[in-house]
Amino acid sequence: HLRIDVFTVDYPLLLAILPPGAFIVMGFIIALKNMIDHYREQRA
């Protein structure tokens, strides 16, 4: 019962499921962390 259907897709987005998609998403997460750190340094 924990399953949540955010939206319905006819075909899975393979780029997100396969390892290349993981590299892309991971890059965005690291970039977001760096932006937050840079913002905090400027505020300090």
All heavy atoms as atom14 arrays in JSON, in Angstrom:
{
  "sequence": "HLRIDVFTVDYPLLLAILPPGAFIVMGFIIALKNMIDHYREQRA",
  "atom14_mask": [
    [1, 1, 1, 1, 1, 1, 1, 1, 1, 1, 0, 0, 0, 0],
    [1, 1, 1, 1, 1, 1, 1, 1, 0, 0, 0, 0, 0, 0],
    [1, 1, 1, 1, 1, 1, 1, 1, 1, 1, 1, 0, 0, 0],
    [1, 1, 1, 1, 1, 1, 1, 1, 0, 0, 0, 0, 0, 0],
    [1, 1, 1, 1, 1, 1, 1, 1, 0, 0, 0, 0, 0, 0],
    [1, 1, 1, 1, 1, 1, 1, 0, 0, 0, 0, 0, 0, 0],
    [1, 1, 1, 1, 1, 1, 1, 1, 1, 1, 1, 0, 0, 0],
    [1, 1, 1, 1, 1, 1, 1, 0, 0, 0, 0, 0, 0, 0],
    [1, 1, 1, 1, 1, 1, 1, 0, 0, 0, 0, 0, 0, 0],
    [1, 1, 1, 1, 1, 1, 1, 1, 0, 0, 0, 0, 0, 0],
    [1, 1, 1, 1, 1, 1, 1, 1, 1, 1, 1, 1, 0, 0],
    [1, 1, 1, 1, 1, 1, 1, 0, 0, 0, 0, 0, 0, 0],
    [1, 1, 1, 1, 1, 1, 1, 1, 0, 0, 0, 0, 0, 0],
    [1, 1, 1, 1, 1, 1, 1, 1, 0, 0, 0, 0, 0, 0],
    [1, 1, 1, 1, 1, 1, 1, 1, 0, 0, 0, 0, 0, 0],
    [1, 1, 1, 1, 1, 0, 0, 0, 0, 0, 0, 0, 0, 0],
    [1, 1, 1, 1, 1, 1, 1, 1, 0, 0, 0, 0, 0, 0],
    [1, 1, 1, 1, 1, 1, 1, 1, 0, 0, 0, 0, 0, 0],
    [1, 1, 1, 1, 1, 1, 1, 0, 0, 0, 0, 0, 0, 0],
    [1, 1, 1, 1, 1, 1, 1, 0, 0, 0, 0, 0, 0, 0],
    [1, 1, 1, 1, 0, 0, 0, 0, 0, 0, 0, 0, 0, 0],
    [1, 1, 1, 1, 1, 0, 0, 0, 0, 0, 0, 0, 0, 0],
    [1, 1, 1, 1, 1, 1, 1, 1, 1, 1, 1, 0, 0, 0],
    [1, 1, 1, 1, 1, 1, 1, 1, 0, 0, 0, 0, 0, 0],
    [1, 1, 1, 1, 1, 1, 1, 0, 0, 0, 0, 0, 0, 0],
    [1, 1, 1, 1, 1, 1, 1, 1, 0, 0, 0, 0, 0, 0],
    [1, 1, 1, 1, 0, 0, 0, 0, 0, 0, 0, 0, 0, 0],
    [1, 1, 1, 1, 1, 1, 1, 1, 1, 1, 1, 0, 0, 0],
    [1, 1, 1, 1, 1, 1, 1, 1, 0, 0, 0, 0, 0, 0],
    [1, 1, 1, 1, 1, 1, 1, 1, 0, 0, 0, 0, 0, 0],
    [1, 1, 1, 1, 1, 0, 0, 0, 0, 0, 0, 0, 0, 0],
    [1, 1, 1, 1, 1, 1, 1, 1, 0, 0, 0, 0, 0, 0],
    [1, 1, 1, 1, 1, 1, 1, 1, 1, 0, 0, 0, 0, 0],
    [1, 1, 1, 1, 1, 1, 1, 1, 0, 0, 0, 0, 0, 0],
    [1, 1, 1, 1, 1, 1, 1, 1, 0, 0, 0, 0, 0, 0],
    [1, 1, 1, 1, 1, 1, 1, 1, 0, 0, 0, 0, 0, 0],
    [1, 1, 1, 1, 1, 1, 1, 1, 0, 0, 0, 0, 0, 0],
    [1, 1, 1, 1, 1, 1, 1, 1, 1, 1, 0, 0, 0, 0],
    [1, 1, 1, 1, 1, 1, 1, 1, 1, 1, 1, 1, 0, 0],
    [1, 1, 1, 1, 1, 1, 1, 1, 1, 1, 1, 0, 0, 0],
    [1, 1, 1, 1, 1, 1, 1, 1, 1, 0, 0, 0, 0, 0],
    [1, 1, 1, 1, 1, 1, 1, 1, 1, 0, 0, 0, 0, 0],
    [1, 1, 1, 1, 1, 1, 1, 1, 1, 1, 1, 0, 0, 0],
    [1, 1, 1, 1, 1, 0, 0, 0, 0, 0, 0, 0, 0, 0]
  ],
  "atom14_positions": [
    [[0.81, -1.22, 0.0], [0.0, 0.0, 0.0], [0.84, 1.27, 0.0], [0.28, 2.37, -0.11], [-0.93, -0.01, 1.21], [-1.8, -1.23, 1.3], [-2.84, -1.48, 0.43], [-1.77, -2.29, 2.15], [-3.43, -2.63, 0.74], [-2.8, -3.14, 1.78], [0.0, 0.0, 0.0], [0.0, 0.0, 0.0], [0.0, 0.0, 0.0], [0.0, 0.0, 0.0]],
    [[2.14, 1.14, 0.12], [3.01, 2.32, 0.09], [3.25, 2.82, -1.31], [3.7, 3.95, -1.49], [4.35, 2.01, 0.75], [4.35, 1.7, 2.25], [5.76, 1.38, 2.73], [3.78, 2.88, 3.05], [0.0, 0.0, 0.0], [0.0, 0.0, 0.0], [0.0, 0.0, 0.0], [0.0, 0.0, 0.0], [0.0, 0.0, 0.0], [0.0, 0.0, 0.0]],
    [[2.94, 2.03, -2.31], [3.2, 2.42, -3.7], [2.4, 3.67, -4.05], [1.2, 3.79, -3.76], [2.82, 1.29, -4.65], [2.98, 1.64, -6.14], [2.4, 0.56, -7.01], [2.34, 0.95, -8.4], [3.15, 0.5, -9.35], [4.07, -0.4, -9.04], [3.04, 0.91, -10.6], [0.0, 0.0, 0.0], [0.0, 0.0, 0.0], [0.0, 0.0, 0.0]],
    [[3.08, 4.63, -4.66], [2.45, 5.88, -5.09], [2.61, 6.0, -6.6], [3.73, 5.93, -7.12], [3.1, 7.09, -4.4], [2.96, 6.98, -2.88], [2.48, 8.39, -4.9], [3.71, 8.06, -2.13], [0.0, 0.0, 0.0], [0.0, 0.0, 0.0], [0.0, 0.0, 0.0], [0.0, 0.0, 0.0], [0.0, 0.0, 0.0], [0.0, 0.0, 0.0]],
    [[1.5, 6.17, -7.31], [1.53, 6.4, -8.75], [1.5, 7.9, -9.0], [0.45, 8.54, -8.94], [0.35, 5.72, -9.44], [0.44, 4.2, -9.37], [1.52, 3.67, -9.68], [-0.55, 3.55, -8.99], [0.0, 0.0, 0.0], [0.0, 0.0, 0.0], [0.0, 0.0, 0.0], [0.0, 0.0, 0.0], [0.0, 0.0, 0.0], [0.0, 0.0, 0.0]],
    [[2.67, 8.47, -9.26], [2.79, 9.92, -9.46], [2.11, 10.33, -10.76], [1.35, 11.29, -10.81], [4.26, 10.34, -9.45], [4.39, 11.85, -9.62], [4.93, 9.9, -8.15], [0.0, 0.0, 0.0], [0.0, 0.0, 0.0], [0.0, 0.0, 0.0], [0.0, 0.0, 0.0], [0.0, 0.0, 0.0], [0.0, 0.0, 0.0], [0.0, 0.0, 0.0]],
    [[2.39, 9.61, -11.82], [1.71, 9.81, -13.1], [1.81, 8.52, -13.89], [2.59, 7.62, -13.57], [2.31, 10.99, -13.89], [3.8, 10.89, -14.11], [4.33, 10.16, -15.17], [4.68, 11.53, -13.25], [5.69, 10.07, -15.37], [6.06, 11.44, -13.45], [6.56, 10.71, -14.51], [0.0, 0.0, 0.0], [0.0, 0.0, 0.0], [0.0, 0.0, 0.0]],
    [[0.98, 8.42, -14.91], [0.91, 7.2, -15.71], [1.76, 7.36, -16.97], [1.7, 8.39, -17.65], [-0.54, 6.91, -16.12], [-1.34, 6.82, -14.94], [-0.63, 5.6, -16.89], [0.0, 0.0, 0.0], [0.0, 0.0, 0.0], [0.0, 0.0, 0.0], [0.0, 0.0, 0.0], [0.0, 0.0, 0.0], [0.0, 0.0, 0.0], [0.0, 0.0, 0.0]],
    [[2.56, 6.34, -17.23], [3.4, 6.36, -18.44], [3.07, 5.13, -19.28], [2.84, 4.04, -18.76], [4.9, 6.35, -18.08], [5.3, 7.63, -17.38], [5.26, 5.16, -17.2], [0.0, 0.0, 0.0], [0.0, 0.0, 0.0], [0.0, 0.0, 0.0], [0.0, 0.0, 0.0], [0.0, 0.0, 0.0], [0.0, 0.0, 0.0], [0.0, 0.0, 0.0]],
    [[2.99, 5.35, -20.59], [2.75, 4.22, -21.5], [4.0, 3.38, -21.69], [3.94, 2.16, -21.79], [2.25, 4.74, -22.85], [0.88, 5.41, -22.73], [0.09, 4.99, -21.86], [0.62, 6.36, -23.48], [0.0, 0.0, 0.0], [0.0, 0.0, 0.0], [0.0, 0.0, 0.0], [0.0, 0.0, 0.0], [0.0, 0.0, 0.0], [0.0, 0.0, 0.0]],
    [[5.15, 4.08, -21.74], [6.42, 3.38, -21.91], [7.42, 3.98, -20.91], [7.51, 5.2, -20.77], [6.96, 3.55, -23.33], [6.03, 3.01, -24.39], [5.18, 3.87, -25.08], [5.99, 1.65, -24.67], [4.32, 3.38, -26.05], [5.13, 1.15, -25.64], [4.3, 2.03, -26.32], [3.44, 1.53, -27.27], [0.0, 0.0, 0.0], [0.0, 0.0, 0.0]],
    [[8.17, 3.14, -20.2], [9.17, 3.65, -19.25], [10.23, 4.49, -19.95], [10.59, 4.23, -21.1], [9.77, 2.38, -18.64], [8.78, 1.3, -18.93], [8.11, 1.67, -20.22], [0.0, 0.0, 0.0], [0.0, 0.0, 0.0], [0.0, 0.0, 0.0], [0.0, 0.0, 0.0], [0.0, 0.0, 0.0], [0.0, 0.0, 0.0], [0.0, 0.0, 0.0]],
    [[10.72, 5.51, -19.26], [11.82, 6.32, -19.77], [13.13, 5.59, -19.48], [13.65, 5.64, -18.36], [11.82, 7.7, -19.12], [12.91, 8.67, -19.58], [12.81, 8.95, -21.07], [12.82, 9.97, -18.79], [0.0, 0.0, 0.0], [0.0, 0.0, 0.0], [0.0, 0.0, 0.0], [0.0, 0.0, 0.0], [0.0, 0.0, 0.0], [0.0, 0.0, 0.0]],
    [[13.66, 4.92, -20.47], [14.82, 4.05, -20.28], [16.06, 4.83, -19.84], [16.89, 4.31, -19.12], [15.12, 3.27, -21.56], [14.07, 2.21, -21.95], [14.49, 1.53, -23.25], [13.89, 1.19, -20.85], [0.0, 0.0, 0.0], [0.0, 0.0, 0.0], [0.0, 0.0, 0.0], [0.0, 0.0, 0.0], [0.0, 0.0, 0.0], [0.0, 0.0, 0.0]],
    [[16.18, 6.08, -20.3], [17.36, 6.86, -19.92], [17.45, 7.04, -18.42], [18.54, 7.0, -17.84], [17.31, 8.24, -20.6], [18.49, 9.18, -20.27], [19.81, 8.56, -20.72], [18.28, 10.54, -20.92], [0.0, 0.0, 0.0], [0.0, 0.0, 0.0], [0.0, 0.0, 0.0], [0.0, 0.0, 0.0], [0.0, 0.0, 0.0], [0.0, 0.0, 0.0]],
    [[16.29, 7.2, -17.76], [16.3, 7.36, -16.3], [16.55, 6.05, -15.59], [17.16, 6.02, -14.51], [14.97, 7.97, -15.84], [0.0, 0.0, 0.0], [0.0, 0.0, 0.0], [0.0, 0.0, 0.0], [0.0, 0.0, 0.0], [0.0, 0.0, 0.0], [0.0, 0.0, 0.0], [0.0, 0.0, 0.0], [0.0, 0.0, 0.0], [0.0, 0.0, 0.0]],
    [[16.1, 4.95, -16.15], [16.21, 3.65, -15.49], [17.6, 3.06, -15.64], [18.13, 2.45, -14.7], [15.15, 2.68, -16.05], [13.74, 3.23, -15.76], [15.3, 1.29, -15.46], [12.64, 2.41, -16.39], [0.0, 0.0, 0.0], [0.0, 0.0, 0.0], [0.0, 0.0, 0.0], [0.0, 0.0, 0.0], [0.0, 0.0, 0.0], [0.0, 0.0, 0.0]],
    [[18.2, 3.22, -16.8], [19.51, 2.62, -17.07], [20.64, 3.44, -16.42], [20.45, 4.62, -16.09], [19.73, 2.51, -18.57], [18.76, 1.56, -19.31], [19.0, 1.6, -20.81], [18.86, 0.14, -18.77], [0.0, 0.0, 0.0], [0.0, 0.0, 0.0], [0.0, 0.0, 0.0], [0.0, 0.0, 0.0], [0.0, 0.0, 0.0], [0.0, 0.0, 0.0]],
    [[21.82, 2.84, -16.24], [22.94, 3.53, -15.57], [23.32, 4.89, -16.15], [23.69, 5.78, -15.37], [24.1, 2.53, -15.71], [23.41, 1.19, -15.71], [22.12, 1.4, -16.46], [0.0, 0.0, 0.0], [0.0, 0.0, 0.0], [0.0, 0.0, 0.0], [0.0, 0.0, 0.0], [0.0, 0.0, 0.0], [0.0, 0.0, 0.0], [0.0, 0.0, 0.0]],
    [[23.26, 5.14, -17.47], [23.58, 6.49, -17.94], [22.71, 7.57, -17.31], [23.18, 8.67, -17.02], [23.35, 6.39, -19.46], [23.58, 4.97, -19.79], [23.07, 4.2, -18.61], [0.0, 0.0, 0.0], [0.0, 0.0, 0.0], [0.0, 0.0, 0.0], [0.0, 0.0, 0.0], [0.0, 0.0, 0.0], [0.0, 0.0, 0.0], [0.0, 0.0, 0.0]],
    [[21.42, 7.25, -17.1], [20.55, 8.21, -16.43], [20.98, 8.48, -15.0], [20.83, 9.6, -14.5], [0.0, 0.0, 0.0], [0.0, 0.0, 0.0], [0.0, 0.0, 0.0], [0.0, 0.0, 0.0], [0.0, 0.0, 0.0], [0.0, 0.0, 0.0], [0.0, 0.0, 0.0], [0.0, 0.0, 0.0], [0.0, 0.0, 0.0], [0.0, 0.0, 0.0]],
    [[21.54, 7.45, -14.35], [22.02, 7.64, -12.98], [23.18, 8.63, -12.95], [23.27, 9.47, -12.04], [22.45, 6.3, -12.4], [0.0, 0.0, 0.0], [0.0, 0.0, 0.0], [0.0, 0.0, 0.0], [0.0, 0.0, 0.0], [0.0, 0.0, 0.0], [0.0, 0.0, 0.0], [0.0, 0.0, 0.0], [0.0, 0.0, 0.0], [0.0, 0.0, 0.0]],
    [[24.07, 8.56, -13.92], [25.18, 9.51, -13.99], [24.67, 10.93, -14.15], [25.16, 11.87, -13.5], [26.11, 9.16, -15.16], [27.12, 8.1, -14.84], [26.92, 6.79, -15.21], [28.29, 8.43, -14.16], [27.85, 5.8, -14.92], [29.23, 7.45, -13.86], [29.01, 6.14, -14.25], [0.0, 0.0, 0.0], [0.0, 0.0, 0.0], [0.0, 0.0, 0.0]],
    [[23.67, 11.12, -15.01], [23.14, 12.46, -15.26], [22.47, 13.01, -14.01], [22.74, 14.15, -13.59], [22.14, 12.42, -16.44], [22.86, 12.0, -17.72], [21.48, 13.77, -16.62], [21.95, 11.76, -18.89], [0.0, 0.0, 0.0], [0.0, 0.0, 0.0], [0.0, 0.0, 0.0], [0.0, 0.0, 0.0], [0.0, 0.0, 0.0], [0.0, 0.0, 0.0]],
    [[21.6, 12.21, -13.38], [20.9, 12.67, -12.18], [21.9, 12.93, -11.05], [21.78, 13.93, -10.32], [19.84, 11.63, -11.74], [19.19, 12.06, -10.43], [18.78, 11.46, -12.82], [0.0, 0.0, 0.0], [0.0, 0.0, 0.0], [0.0, 0.0, 0.0], [0.0, 0.0, 0.0], [0.0, 0.0, 0.0], [0.0, 0.0, 0.0], [0.0, 0.0, 0.0]],
    [[22.88, 12.06, -10.91], [23.89, 12.24, -9.86], [24.66, 13.54, -10.09], [24.99, 14.26, -9.13], [24.85, 11.06, -9.85], [25.78, 11.03, -8.66], [24.89, 10.81, -7.11], [26.23, 10.95, -5.94], [0.0, 0.0, 0.0], [0.0, 0.0, 0.0], [0.0, 0.0, 0.0], [0.0, 0.0, 0.0], [0.0, 0.0, 0.0], [0.0, 0.0, 0.0]],
    [[24.95, 13.86, -11.34], [25.64, 15.11, -11.63], [24.83, 16.33, -11.2], [25.37, 17.29, -10.63], [0.0, 0.0, 0.0], [0.0, 0.0, 0.0], [0.0, 0.0, 0.0], [0.0, 0.0, 0.0], [0.0, 0.0, 0.0], [0.0, 0.0, 0.0], [0.0, 0.0, 0.0], [0.0, 0.0, 0.0], [0.0, 0.0, 0.0], [0.0, 0.0, 0.0]],
    [[23.52, 16.3, -11.44], [22.66, 17.4, -11.02], [22.6, 17.51, -9.5], [22.56, 18.62, -8.95], [21.25, 17.22, -11.6], [21.1, 17.7, -13.01], [20.98, 16.8, -14.05], [21.1, 19.06, -13.31], [20.85, 17.24, -15.36], [20.97, 19.52, -14.62], [20.84, 18.6, -15.65], [0.0, 0.0, 0.0], [0.0, 0.0, 0.0], [0.0, 0.0, 0.0]],
    [[22.56, 16.37, -8.8], [22.51, 16.39, -7.33], [23.8, 17.0, -6.77], [23.77, 17.84, -5.85], [22.3, 14.97, -6.78], [20.91, 14.46, -7.18], [22.45, 14.96, -5.26], [20.65, 13.02, -6.77], [0.0, 0.0, 0.0], [0.0, 0.0, 0.0], [0.0, 0.0, 0.0], [0.0, 0.0, 0.0], [0.0, 0.0, 0.0], [0.0, 0.0, 0.0]],
    [[24.95, 16.6, -7.31], [26.22, 17.16, -6.85], [26.29, 18.66, -7.16], [26.75, 19.45, -6.33], [27.4, 16.41, -7.51], [27.43, 14.96, -7.04], [28.72, 17.09, -7.19], [28.47, 14.1, -7.75], [0.0, 0.0, 0.0], [0.0, 0.0, 0.0], [0.0, 0.0, 0.0], [0.0, 0.0, 0.0], [0.0, 0.0, 0.0], [0.0, 0.0, 0.0]],
    [[25.81, 19.06, -8.34], [25.8, 20.48, -8.69], [24.92, 21.28, -7.75], [25.27, 22.39, -7.34], [25.32, 20.65, -10.13], [0.0, 0.0, 0.0], [0.0, 0.0, 0.0], [0.0, 0.0, 0.0], [0.0, 0.0, 0.0], [0.0, 0.0, 0.0], [0.0, 0.0, 0.0], [0.0, 0.0, 0.0], [0.0, 0.0, 0.0], [0.0, 0.0, 0.0]],
    [[23.77, 20.71, -7.37], [22.88, 21.39, -6.43], [23.55, 21.57, -5.07], [23.44, 22.64, -4.45], [21.58, 20.6, -6.29], [20.55, 21.16, -5.29], [20.1, 22.56, -5.71], [19.35, 20.22, -5.17], [0.0, 0.0, 0.0], [0.0, 0.0, 0.0], [0.0, 0.0, 0.0], [0.0, 0.0, 0.0], [0.0, 0.0, 0.0], [0.0, 0.0, 0.0]],
    [[24.24, 20.53, -4.6], [24.95, 20.65, -3.31], [26.03, 21.73, -3.38], [26.18, 22.53, -2.45], [25.59, 19.32, -2.93], [26.32, 19.39, -1.59], [27.18, 18.18, -1.34], [27.87, 18.3, 0.02], [28.77, 19.49, 0.09], [0.0, 0.0, 0.0], [0.0, 0.0, 0.0], [0.0, 0.0, 0.0], [0.0, 0.0, 0.0], [0.0, 0.0, 0.0]],
    [[26.76, 21.77, -4.49], [27.8, 22.8, -4.63], [27.2, 24.2, -4.65], [27.79, 25.15, -4.11], [28.61, 22.54, -5.9], [29.45, 21.28, -5.81], [29.76, 20.81, -4.73], [29.81, 20.72, -6.95], [0.0, 0.0, 0.0], [0.0, 0.0, 0.0], [0.0, 0.0, 0.0], [0.0, 0.0, 0.0], [0.0, 0.0, 0.0], [0.0, 0.0, 0.0]],
    [[26.04, 24.35, -5.29], [25.37, 25.66, -5.31], [24.95, 26.08, -3.91], [25.11, 27.24, -3.52], [24.16, 25.6, -6.24], [24.49, 25.51, -7.72], [22.99, 25.3, -8.74], [22.05, 26.77, -8.27], [0.0, 0.0, 0.0], [0.0, 0.0, 0.0], [0.0, 0.0, 0.0], [0.0, 0.0, 0.0], [0.0, 0.0, 0.0], [0.0, 0.0, 0.0]],
    [[24.42, 25.13, -3.14], [24.0, 25.44, -1.77], [25.22, 25.84, -0.92], [25.17, 26.81, -0.15], [23.27, 24.25, -1.15], [21.95, 24.0, -1.89], [23.01, 24.48, 0.33], [21.24, 22.74, -1.45], [0.0, 0.0, 0.0], [0.0, 0.0, 0.0], [0.0, 0.0, 0.0], [0.0, 0.0, 0.0], [0.0, 0.0, 0.0], [0.0, 0.0, 0.0]],
    [[26.32, 25.09, -1.07], [27.54, 25.41, -0.31], [28.06, 26.8, -0.69], [28.48, 27.57, 0.17], [28.62, 24.36, -0.57], [28.32, 23.04, 0.13], [27.53, 23.04, 1.09], [28.86, 22.0, -0.3], [0.0, 0.0, 0.0], [0.0, 0.0, 0.0], [0.0, 0.0, 0.0], [0.0, 0.0, 0.0], [0.0, 0.0, 0.0], [0.0, 0.0, 0.0]],
    [[28.04, 27.1, -1.98], [28.52, 28.41, -2.45], [27.64, 29.53, -1.9], [28.14, 30.58, -1.46], [28.53, 28.44, -3.98], [29.04, 29.73, -4.56], [30.35, 30.15, -4.43], [28.4, 30.71, -5.26], [30.5, 31.31, -5.02], [29.33, 31.68, -5.53], [0.0, 0.0, 0.0], [0.0, 0.0, 0.0], [0.0, 0.0, 0.0], [0.0, 0.0, 0.0]],
    [[26.34, 29.31, -1.89], [25.42, 30.32, -1.36], [25.65, 30.55, 0.13], [25.67, 31.68, 0.6], [23.98, 29.87, -1.62], [22.93, 30.76, -1.0], [22.62, 32.0, -1.55], [22.25, 30.37, 0.16], [21.67, 32.82, -0.98], [21.3, 31.18, 0.74], [21.01, 32.4, 0.17], [20.06, 33.21, 0.74], [0.0, 0.0, 0.0], [0.0, 0.0, 0.0]],
    [[25.87, 29.46, 0.86], [26.11, 29.58, 2.3], [27.42, 30.29, 2.59], [27.53, 31.07, 3.55], [26.1, 28.19, 2.94], [24.73, 27.53, 2.93], [24.8, 26.09, 3.41], [25.22, 26.01, 4.79], [25.44, 24.86, 5.43], [25.28, 23.71, 4.79], [25.8, 24.85, 6.69], [0.0, 0.0, 0.0], [0.0, 0.0, 0.0], [0.0, 0.0, 0.0]],
    [[28.44, 30.06, 1.76], [29.71, 30.75, 1.94], [29.56, 32.25, 1.7], [30.13, 33.07, 2.44], [30.76, 30.17, 0.99], [31.23, 28.77, 1.37], [32.22, 28.2, 0.37], [32.57, 28.95, -0.57], [32.63, 27.04, 0.52], [0.0, 0.0, 0.0], [0.0, 0.0, 0.0], [0.0, 0.0, 0.0], [0.0, 0.0, 0.0], [0.0, 0.0, 0.0]],
    [[28.79, 32.59, 0.66], [28.58, 34.01, 0.39], [27.82, 34.68, 1.52], [28.13, 35.81, 1.9], [27.82, 34.17, -0.93], [28.66, 33.89, -2.17], [27.9, 34.18, -3.45], [26.68, 34.03, -3.51], [28.61, 34.62, -4.47], [0.0, 0.0, 0.0], [0.0, 0.0, 0.0], [0.0, 0.0, 0.0], [0.0, 0.0, 0.0], [0.0, 0.0, 0.0]],
    [[26.81, 34.0, 2.08], [26.05, 34.55, 3.19], [26.94, 34.74, 4.42], [26.8, 35.72, 5.15], [24.89, 33.62, 3.54], [23.74, 33.64, 2.55], [22.98, 34.96, 2.6], [22.43, 35.2, 3.92], [21.24, 34.77, 4.32], [20.46, 34.1, 3.48], [20.81, 35.05, 5.53], [0.0, 0.0, 0.0], [0.0, 0.0, 0.0], [0.0, 0.0, 0.0]],
    [[27.85, 33.8, 4.63], [28.73, 33.89, 5.79], [29.74, 35.03, 5.67], [30.17, 35.6, 6.68], [29.47, 32.57, 6.0], [0.0, 0.0, 0.0], [0.0, 0.0, 0.0], [0.0, 0.0, 0.0], [0.0, 0.0, 0.0], [0.0, 0.0, 0.0], [0.0, 0.0, 0.0], [0.0, 0.0, 0.0], [0.0, 0.0, 0.0], [0.0, 0.0, 0.0]]
  ]
}
